[in-house]
Amino acid sequence: MTFFPSSELLLDPSPFRVSDTVPGQLARSTARELALQRSRAPRPFATRGASPGAAGFALALANEAWNLLLQQNLSPPDQEYEVAAPAPFVYQVTGSITFRRLLPPPFDVESTTVVDNQADGTILAVGVMENTVTFADGSTQTFHSIGVRRQTQGQPVQVVLFGARGVDFWEIVRLNSVSIARLDTPEVPLLGGFPAATQPRPGDTPNNDLAFPITIPGGIPGLLLPAEIPIIVLQPHRLGQRPVPIGYPLSLPPARREALPQMWLTPTGIQVGQGSPGDLVITTTPDTIPNTGTPTQTDDLRQRIPPPTVVCLDTPEPPQDICDCEEIRQIVFEELDKKFPPSRPFFLQTVQLPASNSRTFVLPPFTRYVNLTIVEPPPNVKSQFGGTLGQEVFYNGWYSFGATASSSERIPFHYNFMSIPIPPGVTQFTYTVYLGGTASVVIGYSVEG
């Protein structure tokens, strides 16, 4: 059996070691068709065939696994779960959902919102939903989060969101949990709450295994070229938990079906061929040098010359006036540290400061950003609509930073979340929220790796 990494299967043009073999053609055609199918309809990949007890968690796990396998970045689709929650009772909705800020690194921070809210009326469904709000000037903005779909007497069905965030600024990473229970019986979640069987939606195909054809460009003995082969993805929602098998329909002639190898999908690639305990797994990697059976294969050769081995001794022989390893290392780092961010190996470290009305602190070396998040807004805070493509403006306070023991000019703190890039050489940071309000701080800085 042979394992083909996703990084090879989706290359264009395809590496010769993939396109010149029957297993490689099967794996490559399967991966490309799967990527196309999932881009058009991501939801069935996570829900088809899911059991009632695992549908919700399978949706999150399978979405991440399919993103990894097909090198896509599709947000998890909305997840609604029907419940039987009639009026006039009050219901407690609890859960947790993780968002990611739609900014380039390192400002693409993740934030987890914990939901613990009450809802009344007749609750029809609970889960991840979207709601579009129309403002007084006619502009609209769409929000998403954990929510309920409810109906009150004499009113149309409406969506109520908890901890909502704008889709233009935050994407949903995963739904961690969600549950709904009557307020007078909080220990007994309602049947149909998360996790629950996924209900079909308009546009969904029947809730069974995925079936579609793949096209093989050539190389399979006994078949006309190019050949079209139907395949079946069995239980695609299980990809986040185990390898997913690829089957062939019984409509294929037995002789043709038996000539096709078994395929297994994993989050990191496709395995072709049925294995047994102790079998050798052949892995094709970009460093593999194939056998040159034909002149065309020489196009895929890579000559790898290992670098010379250098040994640094703490006590060099013969003794001479040179630096030892640690001194050389220190000199190199001192030179590299003159640049920002450090050119030497480093990784991002964060430190969080608790909420406060006002705070002044010294920044660590190589600080990259400071995040300010309003925890308690100032009473009667003034606000201003930010426009169709902008955030709403709040007059929260001010912040300042400088390169010495004091700060510089005061800069308005006009959003409930601000990610502030820190220029080189800045050592001092201070902020103040108007009386009655507080804000927490997250400092991101580079440290030696």
Protein backbone atom coordinates (compact mmCIF):
# COMPACT_ATOMS: atom_id res chain seq x y z
CA MET A 1 0.00 0.00 0.00
CA THR A 2 1.12 3.57 -0.69
CA PHE A 3 0.39 6.77 1.23
CA PHE A 4 0.13 10.04 -0.73
CA PRO A 5 0.35 13.28 1.33
CA SER A 6 -2.24 15.94 0.59
CA SER A 7 0.53 18.39 -0.33
CA GLU A 8 1.40 16.20 -3.35
CA LEU A 9 -2.12 15.32 -4.46
CA LEU A 10 -3.22 18.95 -4.90
CA LEU A 11 -0.08 20.21 -6.67
CA ASP A 12 -0.47 21.42 -10.24
CA PRO A 13 1.30 20.11 -12.19
CA SER A 14 1.30 16.82 -10.34
CA PRO A 15 4.65 15.26 -9.34
CA PHE A 16 5.67 12.47 -11.72
CA ARG A 17 5.81 9.91 -8.90
CA VAL A 18 2.05 10.51 -8.43
CA SER A 19 0.77 10.88 -12.00
CA ASP A 20 2.78 7.92 -13.40
CA THR A 21 1.16 5.25 -11.18
CA VAL A 22 -2.34 3.82 -10.98
CA PRO A 23 -2.59 4.40 -7.16
CA GLY A 24 -1.33 7.96 -7.62
CA GLN A 25 -3.87 8.74 -10.34
CA LEU A 26 -6.69 7.35 -8.22
CA ALA A 27 -5.63 9.31 -5.13
CA ARG A 28 -5.03 12.55 -7.04
CA SER A 29 -8.35 12.41 -8.93
CA THR A 30 -10.19 11.59 -5.70
CA ALA A 31 -8.61 14.47 -3.75
CA ARG A 32 -9.29 17.04 -6.47
CA GLU A 33 -12.91 15.97 -6.95
CA LEU A 34 -13.48 15.94 -3.18
CA ALA A 35 -12.11 19.48 -2.87
CA LEU A 36 -14.47 20.65 -5.63
CA GLN A 37 -17.50 18.86 -4.21
CA ARG A 38 -16.90 20.16 -0.68
CA SER A 39 -16.39 23.75 -1.81
CA ARG A 40 -19.85 23.64 -3.39
CA ALA A 41 -21.63 22.01 -0.41
CA PRO A 42 -19.56 21.76 2.79
CA ARG A 43 -22.35 20.71 5.15
CA PRO A 44 -23.10 17.14 3.93
CA PHE A 45 -19.44 16.19 4.38
CA ALA A 46 -19.85 16.56 8.14
CA THR A 47 -23.43 15.35 8.62
CA ARG A 48 -24.23 12.56 6.17
CA GLY A 49 -24.71 9.29 7.98
CA ALA A 50 -24.00 10.80 11.39
CA SER A 51 -25.58 8.93 14.27
CA PRO A 52 -28.02 10.81 16.55
CA GLY A 53 -25.52 10.84 19.43
CA ALA A 54 -22.58 12.19 17.46
CA ALA A 55 -23.91 14.52 14.79
CA GLY A 56 -23.02 17.76 16.53
CA PHE A 57 -19.46 16.91 17.50
CA ALA A 58 -18.88 15.17 14.15
CA LEU A 59 -19.73 18.42 12.40
CA ALA A 60 -16.90 20.31 14.12
CA LEU A 61 -14.33 17.48 13.98
CA ALA A 62 -15.04 16.53 10.39
CA ASN A 63 -14.95 20.14 9.21
CA GLU A 64 -11.41 20.61 10.59
CA ALA A 65 -10.27 17.23 9.22
CA TRP A 66 -11.62 17.95 5.72
CA ASN A 67 -9.97 21.39 5.77
CA LEU A 68 -6.64 19.71 6.55
CA LEU A 69 -6.98 16.95 3.94
CA LEU A 70 -8.10 19.21 1.10
CA GLN A 71 -6.03 22.26 2.16
CA GLN A 72 -9.15 24.41 2.31
CA ASN A 73 -10.29 26.90 4.92
CA LEU A 74 -14.06 26.63 4.89
CA SER A 75 -15.82 27.92 7.98
CA PRO A 76 -18.06 25.42 9.74
CA PRO A 77 -21.62 25.76 8.44
CA ASP A 78 -24.47 26.85 10.66
CA GLN A 79 -25.69 24.10 12.96
CA GLU A 80 -29.32 24.07 14.05
CA TYR A 81 -30.92 21.35 16.16
CA GLU A 82 -34.68 21.15 16.48
CA VAL A 83 -36.08 21.00 20.02
CA ALA A 84 -39.54 20.68 21.56
CA ALA A 85 -39.68 23.64 23.94
CA PRO A 86 -43.22 25.07 24.12
CA ALA A 87 -44.35 28.24 25.86
CA PRO A 88 -44.96 29.51 28.55
CA PHE A 89 -41.81 28.10 30.16
CA VAL A 90 -38.48 29.93 30.38
CA TYR A 91 -35.44 28.07 29.03
CA GLN A 92 -31.75 28.23 29.94
CA VAL A 93 -29.32 28.06 26.99
CA THR A 94 -25.70 27.20 27.83
CA GLY A 95 -22.73 26.56 25.61
CA SER A 96 -19.36 27.67 24.34
CA ILE A 97 -18.24 28.90 20.92
CA THR A 98 -14.78 29.94 19.65
CA PHE A 99 -14.26 32.84 17.22
CA ARG A 100 -11.18 34.01 15.31
CA ARG A 101 -10.51 37.66 14.50
CA LEU A 102 -10.37 38.31 10.73
CA LEU A 103 -6.98 40.03 10.81
CA PRO A 104 -3.57 38.90 9.53
CA PRO A 105 -1.21 37.18 12.03
CA PRO A 106 -0.39 37.82 14.80
CA PHE A 107 -3.65 39.72 15.27
CA ASP A 108 -5.88 36.80 14.21
CA VAL A 109 -6.54 36.02 17.86
CA GLU A 110 -9.03 33.39 18.99
CA SER A 111 -11.67 34.23 21.55
CA THR A 112 -14.05 31.81 23.28
CA THR A 113 -17.49 33.05 24.35
CA VAL A 114 -19.33 31.23 27.15
CA VAL A 115 -23.12 31.42 26.80
CA ASP A 116 -25.46 31.17 29.80
CA ASN A 117 -28.68 32.99 28.86
CA GLN A 118 -32.43 32.66 29.19
CA ALA A 119 -35.03 32.56 26.42
CA ASP A 120 -38.82 32.51 26.56
CA GLY A 121 -41.58 31.78 24.11
CA THR A 122 -41.79 28.65 21.98
CA ILE A 123 -38.24 27.55 21.13
CA LEU A 124 -38.12 25.79 17.76
CA ALA A 125 -34.36 25.19 17.40
CA VAL A 126 -31.01 25.84 19.10
CA GLY A 127 -27.50 25.97 17.63
CA VAL A 128 -25.19 28.23 15.60
CA MET A 129 -27.19 30.81 13.67
CA GLU A 130 -26.94 34.09 11.78
CA ASN A 131 -29.11 37.18 12.10
CA THR A 132 -29.08 40.31 9.92
CA VAL A 133 -29.88 43.61 11.66
CA THR A 134 -31.21 46.65 9.75
CA PHE A 135 -30.22 49.99 11.26
CA ALA A 136 -32.12 53.29 11.19
CA ASP A 137 -30.18 54.58 8.17
CA GLY A 138 -31.12 51.50 6.15
CA SER A 139 -27.73 49.78 6.38
CA THR A 140 -27.49 46.16 7.47
CA GLN A 141 -24.97 44.02 9.34
CA THR A 142 -24.95 40.27 9.87
CA PHE A 143 -24.02 38.66 13.19
CA HIS A 144 -23.51 35.01 14.18
CA SER A 145 -23.17 33.01 17.40
CA ILE A 146 -25.06 30.47 19.52
CA GLY A 147 -28.74 31.29 19.40
CA VAL A 148 -32.33 30.08 19.41
CA ARG A 149 -35.10 30.26 16.84
CA ARG A 150 -38.25 31.17 18.74
CA GLN A 151 -41.83 32.29 18.23
CA THR A 152 -43.89 34.38 20.62
CA GLN A 153 -47.64 34.67 20.44
CA GLY A 154 -48.76 36.91 17.61
CA GLN A 155 -45.20 37.54 16.42
CA PRO A 156 -43.24 36.05 13.49
CA VAL A 157 -40.43 33.57 14.05
CA GLN A 158 -37.24 35.35 15.08
CA VAL A 159 -33.60 34.46 15.78
CA VAL A 160 -32.12 35.49 19.13
CA LEU A 161 -28.31 35.37 19.40
CA PHE A 162 -26.16 35.26 22.54
CA GLY A 163 -22.65 36.75 22.49
CA ALA A 164 -23.11 37.71 18.83
CA ARG A 165 -20.19 38.93 16.73
CA GLY A 166 -20.17 40.47 13.27
CA VAL A 167 -19.40 38.12 10.39
CA ASP A 168 -17.26 40.86 8.79
CA PHE A 169 -14.86 40.87 11.73
CA TRP A 170 -15.05 37.38 13.32
CA GLU A 171 -15.23 33.86 11.89
CA ILE A 172 -16.48 30.83 13.81
CA VAL A 173 -13.71 28.32 14.51
CA ARG A 174 -15.75 25.67 16.32
CA LEU A 175 -18.84 25.05 18.41
CA ASN A 176 -17.57 23.54 21.65
CA SER A 177 -20.92 22.75 23.29
CA VAL A 178 -24.54 23.84 23.46
CA SER A 179 -27.49 22.66 25.53
CA ILE A 180 -30.99 23.86 26.42
CA ALA A 181 -33.08 23.02 29.48
CA ARG A 182 -36.14 24.37 31.24
CA LEU A 183 -35.20 26.91 33.88
CA ASP A 184 -37.13 24.99 36.55
CA THR A 185 -35.34 21.72 35.65
CA PRO A 186 -31.81 22.86 34.68
CA GLU A 187 -30.27 19.40 35.19
CA VAL A 188 -32.43 17.79 32.49
CA PRO A 189 -31.45 18.93 28.96
CA LEU A 190 -34.26 18.85 26.43
CA LEU A 191 -34.36 15.99 23.96
CA GLY A 192 -33.01 17.17 20.66
CA GLY A 193 -30.47 19.47 22.26
CA PHE A 194 -26.80 19.30 21.28
CA PRO A 195 -25.56 16.82 20.26
CA ALA A 196 -28.54 15.68 18.21
CA ALA A 197 -29.36 14.17 14.86
CA THR A 198 -28.84 16.66 12.06
CA GLN A 199 -32.05 17.55 10.28
CA PRO A 200 -32.06 17.90 6.46
CA ARG A 201 -32.15 21.45 5.10
CA PRO A 202 -33.33 22.85 1.78
CA GLY A 203 -30.64 22.10 -0.78
CA ASP A 204 -29.21 19.16 1.15
CA THR A 205 -28.91 15.83 -0.61
CA PRO A 206 -30.30 12.69 1.13
CA ASN A 207 -28.55 11.78 4.35
CA ASN A 208 -26.42 8.90 3.08
CA ASP A 209 -22.91 8.25 1.77
CA LEU A 210 -21.43 10.60 -0.83
CA ALA A 211 -21.31 9.19 -4.36
CA PHE A 212 -19.79 10.84 -7.44
CA PRO A 213 -17.48 9.89 -10.36
CA ILE A 214 -13.78 10.60 -10.71
CA THR A 215 -11.87 10.78 -13.98
CA ILE A 216 -8.60 8.85 -14.37
CA PRO A 217 -6.35 10.36 -17.09
CA GLY A 218 -4.67 7.06 -18.00
CA GLY A 219 -2.46 4.18 -17.00
CA ILE A 220 -5.01 1.56 -15.87
CA PRO A 221 -4.65 -1.65 -17.91
CA GLY A 222 -7.76 -2.77 -19.74
CA LEU A 223 -9.63 0.56 -19.47
CA LEU A 224 -10.33 3.14 -22.14
CA LEU A 225 -8.59 6.45 -21.53
CA PRO A 226 -9.59 8.66 -19.96
CA ALA A 227 -11.66 6.43 -17.67
CA GLU A 228 -14.54 7.56 -15.44
CA ILE A 229 -15.00 5.57 -12.23
CA PRO A 230 -17.84 6.06 -9.72
CA ILE A 231 -16.77 6.08 -6.07
CA ILE A 232 -18.59 6.20 -2.73
CA VAL A 233 -17.28 8.06 0.34
CA LEU A 234 -18.51 5.99 3.27
CA GLN A 235 -19.54 7.97 6.38
CA PRO A 236 -17.65 11.19 5.58
CA HIS A 237 -18.50 12.65 9.00
CA ARG A 238 -16.12 10.11 10.61
CA LEU A 239 -12.96 11.60 9.05
CA GLY A 240 -12.11 13.50 12.23
CA GLN A 241 -12.23 10.27 14.24
CA ARG A 242 -10.86 7.54 11.95
CA PRO A 243 -9.80 6.92 8.32
CA VAL A 244 -12.75 7.04 5.92
CA PRO A 245 -12.93 4.21 3.33
CA ILE A 246 -13.65 4.79 -0.37
CA GLY A 247 -15.89 2.16 -1.92
CA TYR A 248 -17.00 1.29 -5.44
CA PRO A 249 -20.69 0.75 -6.34
CA LEU A 250 -22.00 -2.73 -7.14
CA SER A 251 -23.09 -1.43 -10.54
CA LEU A 252 -19.46 -1.77 -11.69
CA PRO A 253 -18.70 -5.12 -13.34
CA PRO A 254 -17.04 -7.47 -10.81
CA ALA A 255 -13.87 -7.84 -12.91
CA ARG A 256 -13.46 -4.07 -13.11
CA ARG A 257 -14.30 -3.49 -9.45
CA GLU A 258 -11.82 -6.12 -8.24
CA ALA A 259 -9.02 -4.50 -10.27
CA LEU A 260 -9.40 -1.22 -8.37
CA PRO A 261 -7.44 -0.91 -5.10
CA GLN A 262 -8.98 0.06 -1.79
CA MET A 263 -8.55 3.72 -0.76
CA TRP A 264 -8.63 5.28 2.71
CA LEU A 265 -8.92 9.01 3.45
CA THR A 266 -7.01 10.47 6.40
CA PRO A 267 -6.67 14.13 7.45
CA THR A 268 -3.11 14.23 6.08
CA GLY A 269 -3.44 12.25 2.85
CA ILE A 270 -4.85 9.23 1.00
CA GLN A 271 -3.71 5.62 1.47
CA VAL A 272 -4.17 3.36 -1.57
CA GLY A 273 -4.20 -0.41 -1.05
CA GLN A 274 -5.58 -2.66 1.68
CA GLY A 275 -3.03 -3.24 4.43
CA SER A 276 -2.57 -6.02 6.95
CA PRO A 277 -0.68 -5.99 10.28
CA GLY A 278 3.05 -5.78 9.61
CA ASP A 279 2.70 -4.58 5.99
CA LEU A 280 5.16 -1.95 4.76
CA VAL A 281 3.61 1.46 4.04
CA ILE A 282 5.30 3.32 1.16
CA THR A 283 5.19 7.08 1.68
CA THR A 284 5.94 9.40 -1.20
CA THR A 285 7.47 12.67 -0.07
CA PRO A 286 9.01 15.54 -2.03
CA ASP A 287 12.46 14.17 -1.14
CA THR A 288 11.83 10.77 -2.74
CA ILE A 289 14.05 10.11 -5.79
CA PRO A 290 12.16 7.75 -8.18
CA ASN A 291 13.72 5.11 -10.38
CA THR A 292 14.57 6.49 -13.81
CA GLY A 293 12.72 4.05 -16.05
CA THR A 294 12.10 6.56 -18.84
CA PRO A 295 13.92 9.74 -19.89
CA THR A 296 10.91 11.87 -18.85
CA GLN A 297 11.35 10.84 -15.23
CA THR A 298 14.61 12.72 -14.99
CA ASP A 299 12.55 15.93 -14.81
CA ASP A 300 11.52 14.96 -11.30
CA LEU A 301 14.95 14.17 -9.87
CA ARG A 302 16.31 16.23 -6.98
CA GLN A 303 20.00 16.15 -6.18
CA ARG A 304 20.47 16.47 -2.45
CA ILE A 305 23.95 17.36 -1.21
CA PRO A 306 24.13 17.30 2.59
CA PRO A 307 25.85 20.30 4.19
CA PRO A 308 29.31 19.71 5.67
CA THR A 309 29.33 18.76 9.35
CA VAL A 310 30.81 21.44 11.59
CA VAL A 311 31.83 20.58 15.16
CA CYS A 312 32.35 23.39 17.68
CA LEU A 313 34.54 22.44 20.63
CA ASP A 314 34.44 24.20 24.00
CA THR A 315 38.20 23.63 24.29
CA PRO A 316 39.56 23.93 20.77
CA GLU A 317 42.74 22.11 19.86
CA PRO A 318 45.34 23.44 19.43
CA PRO A 319 44.66 26.25 21.95
CA GLN A 320 44.33 29.64 20.33
CA ASP A 321 42.69 32.98 20.98
CA ILE A 322 39.16 32.29 19.63
CA CYS A 323 35.67 32.44 21.10
CA ASP A 324 34.02 29.34 22.45
CA CYS A 325 30.58 28.22 21.30
CA GLU A 326 28.61 30.15 23.92
CA GLU A 327 30.48 33.39 23.21
CA ILE A 328 29.91 33.05 19.47
CA ARG A 329 26.23 32.35 20.10
CA GLN A 330 25.93 35.44 22.29
CA ILE A 331 27.64 37.68 19.73
CA VAL A 332 25.37 36.42 16.96
CA PHE A 333 22.24 37.03 19.02
CA GLU A 334 23.37 40.52 19.97
CA GLU A 335 23.79 41.39 16.31
CA LEU A 336 20.49 39.86 15.35
CA ASP A 337 18.71 41.59 18.23
CA LYS A 338 19.51 44.94 16.65
CA LYS A 339 16.76 44.11 14.16
CA PHE A 340 13.05 43.90 14.96
CA PRO A 341 11.42 41.46 15.08
CA PRO A 342 14.37 39.26 16.02
CA SER A 343 15.88 37.50 13.03
CA ARG A 344 16.96 34.58 15.18
CA PRO A 345 14.51 31.73 15.84
CA PHE A 346 11.63 32.92 18.04
CA PHE A 347 8.05 32.15 18.91
CA LEU A 348 5.11 34.29 20.02
CA GLN A 349 4.37 34.45 23.76
CA THR A 350 1.40 36.21 25.34
CA VAL A 351 0.69 37.54 28.83
CA GLN A 352 -2.71 38.67 30.08
CA LEU A 353 -3.39 41.40 32.63
CA PRO A 354 -6.71 41.49 34.54
CA ALA A 355 -9.34 44.10 33.90
CA SER A 356 -8.72 47.55 35.34
CA ASN A 357 -10.00 51.11 34.96
CA SER A 358 -6.46 52.42 34.36
CA ARG A 359 -3.05 50.77 34.13
CA THR A 360 0.57 51.62 33.28
CA PHE A 361 3.09 48.86 32.59
CA VAL A 362 6.52 48.21 31.06
CA LEU A 363 6.46 46.18 27.84
CA PRO A 364 8.69 43.11 27.41
CA PRO A 365 11.48 43.26 24.81
CA PHE A 366 10.30 42.66 21.25
CA THR A 367 6.64 43.38 21.99
CA ARG A 368 4.62 42.91 18.82
CA TYR A 369 1.12 43.99 19.86
CA VAL A 370 -1.12 44.99 22.76
CA ASN A 371 -4.81 43.98 22.72
CA LEU A 372 -7.27 46.09 24.74
CA THR A 373 -10.72 44.57 25.38
CA ILE A 374 -13.54 46.38 27.15
CA VAL A 375 -14.87 44.23 30.01
CA GLU A 376 -17.19 46.75 31.65
CA PRO A 377 -18.16 49.65 29.36
CA PRO A 378 -18.35 53.10 30.93
CA PRO A 379 -21.90 53.99 32.04
CA ASN A 380 -23.81 55.93 29.39
CA VAL A 381 -20.92 55.55 26.97
CA LYS A 382 -21.40 57.60 23.82
CA SER A 383 -21.42 55.68 20.55
CA GLN A 384 -21.54 56.41 16.85
CA PHE A 385 -22.51 54.14 13.97
CA GLY A 386 -19.41 53.07 12.07
CA GLY A 387 -20.96 52.74 8.63
CA THR A 388 -21.83 49.69 6.54
CA LEU A 389 -18.22 48.45 6.40
CA GLY A 390 -17.01 49.78 9.75
CA GLN A 391 -17.30 48.96 13.41
CA GLU A 392 -19.51 50.91 15.77
CA VAL A 393 -17.49 53.60 17.56
CA PHE A 394 -17.55 53.86 21.37
CA TYR A 395 -15.96 56.70 23.34
CA ASN A 396 -14.32 54.37 25.87
CA GLY A 397 -11.17 56.28 26.88
CA TRP A 398 -7.58 56.63 25.67
CA TYR A 399 -4.21 54.86 25.53
CA SER A 400 -0.61 55.98 25.04
CA PHE A 401 2.88 54.51 24.68
CA GLY A 402 6.44 55.79 24.53
CA ALA A 403 10.12 54.88 24.37
CA THR A 404 11.15 56.15 27.82
CA ALA A 405 9.74 56.05 31.33
CA SER A 406 6.82 58.23 30.21
CA SER A 407 4.25 57.97 27.45
CA SER A 408 3.44 60.10 24.41
CA GLU A 409 0.21 61.67 23.14
CA ARG A 410 -3.14 60.24 24.16
CA ILE A 411 -4.83 58.16 21.44
CA PRO A 412 -8.63 57.59 21.59
CA PHE A 413 -9.81 54.11 22.62
CA HIS A 414 -12.79 53.97 20.25
CA TYR A 415 -13.61 50.25 19.92
CA ASN A 416 -14.55 47.55 22.38
CA PHE A 417 -11.65 45.49 21.05
CA MET A 418 -8.44 47.10 19.79
CA SER A 419 -5.30 45.34 18.58
CA ILE A 420 -2.43 47.86 18.66
CA PRO A 421 0.87 47.10 16.83
CA ILE A 422 3.85 48.27 18.88
CA PRO A 423 6.72 50.02 17.02
CA PRO A 424 10.36 49.08 17.75
CA GLY A 425 11.89 50.63 20.84
CA VAL A 426 8.63 51.22 22.74
CA THR A 427 8.94 50.28 26.43
CA GLN A 428 6.06 52.05 28.19
CA PHE A 429 2.29 51.60 27.75
CA THR A 430 -0.63 53.16 29.61
CA TYR A 431 -4.40 53.30 29.18
CA THR A 432 -7.42 54.76 30.96
CA VAL A 433 -11.10 53.86 30.55
CA TYR A 434 -13.60 56.56 31.42
CA LEU A 435 -14.97 56.41 34.96
CA GLY A 436 -16.93 53.24 35.67
CA GLY A 437 -15.44 51.19 32.83
CA THR A 438 -12.68 48.56 32.78
CA ALA A 439 -10.53 46.89 30.12
CA SER A 440 -8.29 43.81 30.08
CA VAL A 441 -4.91 43.56 28.34
CA VAL A 442 -3.16 40.87 26.30
CA ILE A 443 0.51 41.52 25.39
CA GLY A 444 2.08 39.56 22.52
CA TYR A 445 5.84 39.47 22.31
CA SER A 446 8.63 37.41 20.71
CA VAL A 447 10.96 35.25 22.76
CA GLU A 448 13.93 33.15 21.77
CA GLY A 449 13.04 29.75 20.37
